C-alpha atoms as a PDB file:
ATOM      1  CA  MET A   1      47.267 132.865 115.334  1.00  0.00           C
ATOM      2  CA  HIS A   2      47.494 131.942 118.723  1.00  0.00           C
ATOM      3  CA  PHE A   3      50.741 129.607 118.086  1.00  0.00           C
ATOM      4  CA  GLN A   4      52.278 133.130 116.408  1.00  0.00           C
ATOM      5  CA  VAL A   5      51.177 135.353 119.395  1.00  0.00           C
ATOM      6  CA  VAL A   6      52.706 132.495 121.923  1.00  0.00           C
ATOM      7  CA  TRP A   7      55.796 131.893 120.706  1.00  0.00           C
ATOM      8  CA  ILE A   8      56.150 135.984 120.076  1.00  0.00           C
ATOM      9  CA  SER A   9      55.816 136.091 123.689  1.00  0.00           C
ATOM     10  CA  CYS A  10      58.254 133.561 125.056  1.00  0.00           C
ATOM     11  CA  THR A  11      60.876 135.046 122.588  1.00  0.00           C
ATOM     12  CA  LEU A  12      60.402 138.329 124.348  1.00  0.00           C
ATOM     13  CA  SER A  13      60.751 137.095 127.499  1.00  0.00           C
ATOM     14  CA  LEU A  14      63.337 135.171 126.958  1.00  0.00           C
ATOM     15  CA  ALA A  15      64.997 138.221 125.321  1.00  0.00           C
ATOM     16  CA  ASP A  16      64.512 140.226 128.425  1.00  0.00           C
ATOM     17  CA  ASN A  17      65.527 137.679 130.537  1.00  0.00           C
ATOM     18  CA  GLN A  18      68.919 137.322 128.873  1.00  0.00           C
ATOM     19  CA  GLY A  19      69.589 141.605 128.558  1.00  0.00           C
ATOM     20  CA  ILE A  20      69.548 140.835 124.981  1.00  0.00           C
ATOM     21  CA  PHE A  21      66.724 144.255 124.670  1.00  0.00           C
ATOM     22  CA  LEU A  22      68.671 147.345 123.356  1.00  0.00           C
ATOM     23  CA  LYS A  23      67.829 149.410 126.141  1.00  0.00           C
ATOM     24  CA  HIS A  24      69.042 147.003 129.039  1.00  0.00           C
ATOM     25  CA  SER A  25      72.548 147.339 127.078  1.00  0.00           C
ATOM     26  CA  TYR A  26      75.720 149.867 127.369  1.00  0.00           C
ATOM     27  CA  ASN A  27      75.918 151.566 124.254  1.00  0.00           C
ATOM     28  CA  ARG A  28      79.328 150.189 122.328  1.00  0.00           C
ATOM     29  CA  VAL A  29      81.621 153.368 123.388  1.00  0.00           C
ATOM     30  CA  SER A  30      80.968 152.691 126.657  1.00  0.00           C
ATOM     31  CA  ARG A  31      81.410 148.666 126.548  1.00  0.00           C
ATOM     32  CA  LEU A  32      84.668 149.492 124.551  1.00  0.00           C
ATOM     33  CA  LEU A  33      86.130 151.926 127.742  1.00  0.00           C
ATOM     34  CA  HIS A  34      84.839 149.601 129.744  1.00  0.00           C
ATOM     35  CA  TRP A  35      86.917 146.471 128.798  1.00  0.00           C
ATOM     36  CA  LEU A  36      90.053 148.520 127.577  1.00  0.00           C
ATOM     37  CA  MET A  37      90.433 149.782 131.715  1.00  0.00           C
ATOM     38  CA  ALA A  38      89.488 146.721 133.161  1.00  0.00           C
ATOM     39  CA  ILE A  39      92.528 145.156 130.934  1.00  0.00           C
ATOM     40  CA  LEU A  40      94.528 148.459 131.413  1.00  0.00           C
ATOM     41  CA  ILE A  41      94.129 148.588 135.398  1.00  0.00           C
ATOM     42  CA  ILE A  42      94.619 144.770 136.323  1.00  0.00           C
ATOM     43  CA  SER A  43      97.717 144.216 133.848  1.00  0.00           C
ATOM     44  CA  THR A  44      98.866 147.767 136.070  1.00  0.00           C
ATOM     45  CA  ILE A  45      97.890 146.270 139.200  1.00  0.00           C
ATOM     46  CA  ILE A  46      99.758 142.745 138.571  1.00  0.00           C
ATOM     47  CA  ILE A  47     102.954 144.920 137.135  1.00  0.00           C
ATOM     48  CA  ALA A  48     102.960 146.876 140.622  1.00  0.00           C
ATOM     49  CA  PHE A  49     102.731 143.464 142.770  1.00  0.00           C
ATOM     50  CA  PHE A  50     105.851 142.461 140.850  1.00  0.00           C
ATOM     51  CA  MET A  51     107.876 145.420 140.206  1.00  0.00           C
ATOM     52  CA  GLU A  52     109.428 146.191 143.652  1.00  0.00           C
ATOM     53  CA  ASP A  53     110.979 142.074 143.760  1.00  0.00           C
ATOM     54  CA  ALA A  54     111.654 142.223 139.909  1.00  0.00           C
ATOM     55  CA  PRO A  55     115.600 142.034 138.458  1.00  0.00           C
ATOM     56  CA  LYS A  56     117.118 145.479 138.177  1.00  0.00           C
ATOM     57  CA  SER A  57     118.000 144.623 134.754  1.00  0.00           C
ATOM     58  CA  ILE A  58     113.647 145.177 134.533  1.00  0.00           C
ATOM     59  CA  ARG A  59     112.648 146.531 137.062  1.00  0.00           C
ATOM     60  CA  SER A  60     113.156 150.061 135.175  1.00  0.00           C
ATOM     61  CA  THR A  61     111.259 148.988 132.671  1.00  0.00           C
ATOM     62  CA  LEU A  62     108.190 147.824 134.475  1.00  0.00           C
ATOM     63  CA  PHE A  63     108.648 151.110 136.245  1.00  0.00           C
ATOM     64  CA  GLY A  64     107.856 152.877 133.122  1.00  0.00           C
ATOM     65  CA  ILE A  65     104.891 150.637 131.447  1.00  0.00           C
ATOM     66  CA  HIS A  66     103.247 151.178 134.998  1.00  0.00           C
ATOM     67  CA  ILE A  67     103.389 154.783 135.027  1.00  0.00           C
ATOM     68  CA  SER A  68     102.632 154.505 131.102  1.00  0.00           C
ATOM     69  CA  PHE A  69      99.700 152.826 131.986  1.00  0.00           C
ATOM     70  CA  GLY A  70      98.561 154.754 134.659  1.00  0.00           C
ATOM     71  CA  VAL A  71      98.663 157.871 132.842  1.00  0.00           C
ATOM     72  CA  LEU A  72      96.411 156.197 130.021  1.00  0.00           C
ATOM     73  CA  ILE A  73      94.116 155.119 132.637  1.00  0.00           C
ATOM     74  CA  LEU A  74      93.661 158.615 133.941  1.00  0.00           C
ATOM     75  CA  GLU A  75      93.075 160.014 130.428  1.00  0.00           C
ATOM     76  CA  LEU A  76      90.253 157.379 129.677  1.00  0.00           C
ATOM     77  CA  ILE A  77      88.711 157.687 132.730  1.00  0.00           C
ATOM     78  CA  ILE A  78      88.231 161.530 132.475  1.00  0.00           C
ATOM     79  CA  VAL A  79      86.932 160.484 128.891  1.00  0.00           C
ATOM     80  CA  ARG A  80      84.379 157.679 130.931  1.00  0.00           C
ATOM     81  CA  LEU A  81      82.854 160.153 133.167  1.00  0.00           C
ATOM     82  CA  VAL A  82      82.348 163.044 130.573  1.00  0.00           C
ATOM     83  CA  TRP A  83      80.632 160.469 128.078  1.00  0.00           C
ATOM     84  CA  LYS A  84      79.102 158.792 131.161  1.00  0.00           C
ATOM     85  CA  ILE A  85      77.531 162.158 132.289  1.00  0.00           C
ATOM     86  CA  LYS A  86      76.073 162.419 128.593  1.00  0.00           C
ATOM     87  CA  HIS A  87      75.187 158.515 128.176  1.00  0.00           C
ATOM     88  CA  PRO A  88      73.686 158.013 131.706  1.00  0.00           C
ATOM     89  CA  ALA A  89      73.147 154.237 131.902  1.00  0.00           C
ATOM     90  CA  PRO A  90      70.372 152.504 130.481  1.00  0.00           C
ATOM     91  CA  PRO A  91      67.512 150.980 133.098  1.00  0.00           C
ATOM     92  CA  MET A  92      68.121 147.836 134.791  1.00  0.00           C
ATOM     93  CA  PRO A  93      66.172 144.788 133.529  1.00  0.00           C
ATOM     94  CA  SER A  94      63.164 143.750 135.585  1.00  0.00           C
ATOM     95  CA  GLY A  95      62.887 141.470 138.340  1.00  0.00           C
ATOM     96  CA  VAL A  96      66.499 142.448 139.740  1.00  0.00           C
ATOM     97  CA  ASP A  97      67.275 142.595 143.509  1.00  0.00           C
ATOM     98  CA  PRO A  98      66.840 146.187 144.742  1.00  0.00           C
ATOM     99  CA  LYS A  99      69.117 145.446 147.284  1.00  0.00           C
ATOM    100  CA  SER A 100      71.558 144.031 144.467  1.00  0.00           C
ATOM    101  CA  ILE A 101      71.066 146.997 142.701  1.00  0.00           C
ATOM    102  CA  LYS A 102      71.832 149.742 145.473  1.00  0.00           C
ATOM    103  CA  ILE A 103      75.146 147.488 146.168  1.00  0.00           C
ATOM    104  CA  GLY A 104      75.894 147.639 142.908  1.00  0.00           C
ATOM    105  CA  LYS A 105      75.668 151.606 142.760  1.00  0.00           C
ATOM    106  CA  ILE A 106      77.792 151.748 145.920  1.00  0.00           C
ATOM    107  CA  VAL A 107      80.769 149.663 144.722  1.00  0.00           C
ATOM    108  CA  GLN A 108      80.577 151.581 140.746  1.00  0.00           C
ATOM    109  CA  HIS A 109      80.570 155.008 142.306  1.00  0.00           C
ATOM    110  CA  SER A 110      83.315 153.622 144.461  1.00  0.00           C
ATOM    111  CA  LEU A 111      85.193 152.000 141.815  1.00  0.00           C
ATOM    112  CA  TYR A 112      85.019 155.372 139.243  1.00  0.00           C
ATOM    113  CA  SER A 113      86.482 157.180 142.630  1.00  0.00           C
ATOM    114  CA  LEU A 114      89.715 154.596 142.615  1.00  0.00           C
ATOM    115  CA  MET A 115      90.120 154.924 139.081  1.00  0.00           C
ATOM    116  CA  LEU A 116      90.460 158.828 139.266  1.00  0.00           C
ATOM    117  CA  LEU A 117      92.244 158.819 142.574  1.00  0.00           C
ATOM    118  CA  THR A 118      94.968 156.315 142.455  1.00  0.00           C
ATOM    119  CA  PRO A 119      96.273 157.295 138.857  1.00  0.00           C
ATOM    120  CA  ILE A 120      96.148 161.031 140.549  1.00  0.00           C
ATOM    121  CA  LEU A 121      98.339 160.127 143.358  1.00  0.00           C
ATOM    122  CA  GLY A 122     100.574 158.490 141.371  1.00  0.00           C
ATOM    123  CA  TYR A 123     101.248 161.081 139.453  1.00  0.00           C
ATOM    124  CA  LEU A 124     101.529 163.122 142.251  1.00  0.00           C
ATOM    125  CA  MET A 125     104.270 160.200 143.659  1.00  0.00           C
ATOM    126  CA  VAL A 126     106.320 160.621 140.845  1.00  0.00           C
ATOM    127  CA  ILE A 127     106.533 164.404 140.281  1.00  0.00           C
ATOM    128  CA  THR A 128     107.663 165.003 144.085  1.00  0.00           C
ATOM    129  CA  LYS A 129     110.646 162.347 143.659  1.00  0.00           C
ATOM    130  CA  GLY A 130     111.724 164.854 140.872  1.00  0.00           C
ATOM    131  CA  ARG A 131     110.932 162.629 137.596  1.00  0.00           C
ATOM    132  CA  SER A 132     108.547 163.293 134.932  1.00  0.00           C
ATOM    133  CA  VAL A 133     105.596 161.447 134.174  1.00  0.00           C
ATOM    134  CA  SER A 134     105.438 160.241 130.861  1.00  0.00           C
ATOM    135  CA  PHE A 135     103.442 157.973 128.394  1.00  0.00           C
ATOM    136  CA  PHE A 136     106.548 155.873 126.419  1.00  0.00           C
ATOM    137  CA  GLN A 137     108.230 158.531 126.396  1.00  0.00           C
ATOM    138  CA  LEU A 138     106.258 160.309 123.719  1.00  0.00           C
ATOM    139  CA  TYR A 139     104.749 163.102 125.966  1.00  0.00           C
ATOM    140  CA  SER A 140     105.113 163.747 129.117  1.00  0.00           C
ATOM    141  CA  LEU A 141     102.436 165.423 131.891  1.00  0.00           C
ATOM    142  CA  PRO A 142     103.299 168.855 133.219  1.00  0.00           C
ATOM    143  CA  SER A 143     105.198 168.542 136.893  1.00  0.00           C
ATOM    144  CA  LEU A 144     102.829 171.021 139.501  1.00  0.00           C
ATOM    145  CA  MET A 145     104.426 169.893 142.264  1.00  0.00           C
ATOM    146  CA  GLU A 146     108.508 170.496 143.183  1.00  0.00           C
ATOM    147  CA  LYS A 147     110.546 167.578 144.354  1.00  0.00           C
ATOM    148  CA  ASN A 148     109.727 167.082 148.307  1.00  0.00           C
ATOM    149  CA  GLU A 149     110.565 163.631 149.694  1.00  0.00           C
ATOM    150  CA  GLN A 150     108.108 164.128 152.368  1.00  0.00           C
ATOM    151  CA  LEU A 151     105.009 164.648 150.173  1.00  0.00           C
ATOM    152  CA  HIS A 152     106.352 161.673 148.020  1.00  0.00           C
ATOM    153  CA  GLU A 153     106.195 159.848 150.981  1.00  0.00           C
ATOM    154  CA  VAL A 154     102.948 160.605 151.640  1.00  0.00           C
ATOM    155  CA  PHE A 155     101.931 160.094 147.975  1.00  0.00           C
ATOM    156  CA  GLU A 156     103.456 156.937 148.038  1.00  0.00           C
ATOM    157  CA  THR A 157     101.836 155.418 150.762  1.00  0.00           C
ATOM    158  CA  ILE A 158      98.437 156.880 150.002  1.00  0.00           C
ATOM    159  CA  HIS A 159      98.703 155.163 146.358  1.00  0.00           C
ATOM    160  CA  ILE A 160      99.456 151.760 147.637  1.00  0.00           C
ATOM    161  CA  TYR A 161      96.431 152.059 149.613  1.00  0.00           C
ATOM    162  CA  LEU A 162      93.919 153.150 146.810  1.00  0.00           C
ATOM    163  CA  GLY A 163      95.736 150.212 145.019  1.00  0.00           C
ATOM    164  CA  TRP A 164      94.769 147.647 147.018  1.00  0.00           C
ATOM    165  CA  THR A 165      91.431 148.884 147.780  1.00  0.00           C
ATOM    166  CA  LEU A 166      90.564 149.142 144.094  1.00  0.00           C
ATOM    167  CA  ALA A 167      92.228 145.577 143.393  1.00  0.00           C
ATOM    168  CA  ALA A 168      89.687 144.537 146.302  1.00  0.00           C
ATOM    169  CA  LEU A 169      86.469 146.317 144.713  1.00  0.00           C
ATOM    170  CA  ILE A 170      87.514 144.549 141.313  1.00  0.00           C
ATOM    171  CA  ILE A 171      87.258 141.268 142.885  1.00  0.00           C
ATOM    172  CA  LEU A 172      84.161 142.586 144.564  1.00  0.00           C
ATOM    173  CA  HIS A 173      82.869 143.571 141.335  1.00  0.00           C
ATOM    174  CA  LEU A 174      83.768 140.055 139.218  1.00  0.00           C
ATOM    175  CA  LEU A 175      82.047 137.828 141.972  1.00  0.00           C
ATOM    176  CA  GLY A 176      78.375 140.426 141.755  1.00  0.00           C
ATOM    177  CA  ALA A 177      79.166 139.933 137.846  1.00  0.00           C
ATOM    178  CA  PHE A 178      79.113 136.161 137.818  1.00  0.00           C
ATOM    179  CA  LYS A 179      76.117 136.515 140.521  1.00  0.00           C
ATOM    180  CA  HIS A 180      74.484 137.958 138.146  1.00  0.00           C
ATOM    181  CA  ARG A 181      75.307 135.882 135.151  1.00  0.00           C
ATOM    182  CA  ARG A 182      74.684 132.058 137.416  1.00  0.00           C
ATOM    183  CA  ALA A 183      70.838 133.988 137.885  1.00  0.00           C
ATOM    184  CA  GLY A 184      70.509 135.014 134.432  1.00  0.00           C
ATOM    185  CA  ASP A 185      68.546 138.168 135.421  1.00  0.00           C
ATOM    186  CA  GLY A 186      70.169 140.488 132.225  1.00  0.00           C
ATOM    187  CA  VAL A 187      72.718 142.342 134.421  1.00  0.00           C
ATOM    188  CA  PHE A 188      75.728 140.763 133.675  1.00  0.00           C
ATOM    189  CA  GLU A 189      75.169 140.941 129.687  1.00  0.00           C
ATOM    190  CA  ARG A 190      74.130 144.875 129.867  1.00  0.00           C
ATOM    191  CA  MET A 191      78.113 145.090 129.509  1.00  0.00           C
ATOM    192  CA  TRP A 192      79.116 142.299 127.997  1.00  0.00           C
ATOM    193  CA  PRO A 193      80.536 142.715 124.528  1.00  0.00           C
ATOM    194  CA  LYS A 194      78.108 142.089 121.490  1.00  0.00           C
ATOM    195  CA  LYS A 195      78.660 140.295 118.356  1.00  0.00           C
END
């Protein structure tokens, strides 16, 4: 009996440290939205990096993919924000440094802000150039502004700066995730896909 109690105690402690408890993990929808957006955003940034210097034969295609991914990111971040309001983040595992939690929240809030603002500025940049914002030519977002070259340049500059800031925050977010993975405090496993 004593052995069983000790064994159960050790098992529960290990599960807590590895973030296996359901109460510390994000739900399936949150994890799906997180990883889907991560793939889309990183792909969009990579495309943007090579787009300007790409051969003319594929530049237009890359630009179209970049815009389409941006439309999807904008739609998904709205869904994700609504889902987040209705389904708050689970409690952090015990033993996590409060300073680390505070920094993580600042980075997370900054990422959410940029994931919303960057595609919005991209949308404004495109429509003030007199072009339509479409999702792989399947449908187009309504153009809420007329063509305006001066505003286009302003929106383009802001969009670029926001994009690079978002890329820097993603790197910071990844470094923080790897730090928690090495620490084994259960934070990394909260968003990791479950079997």
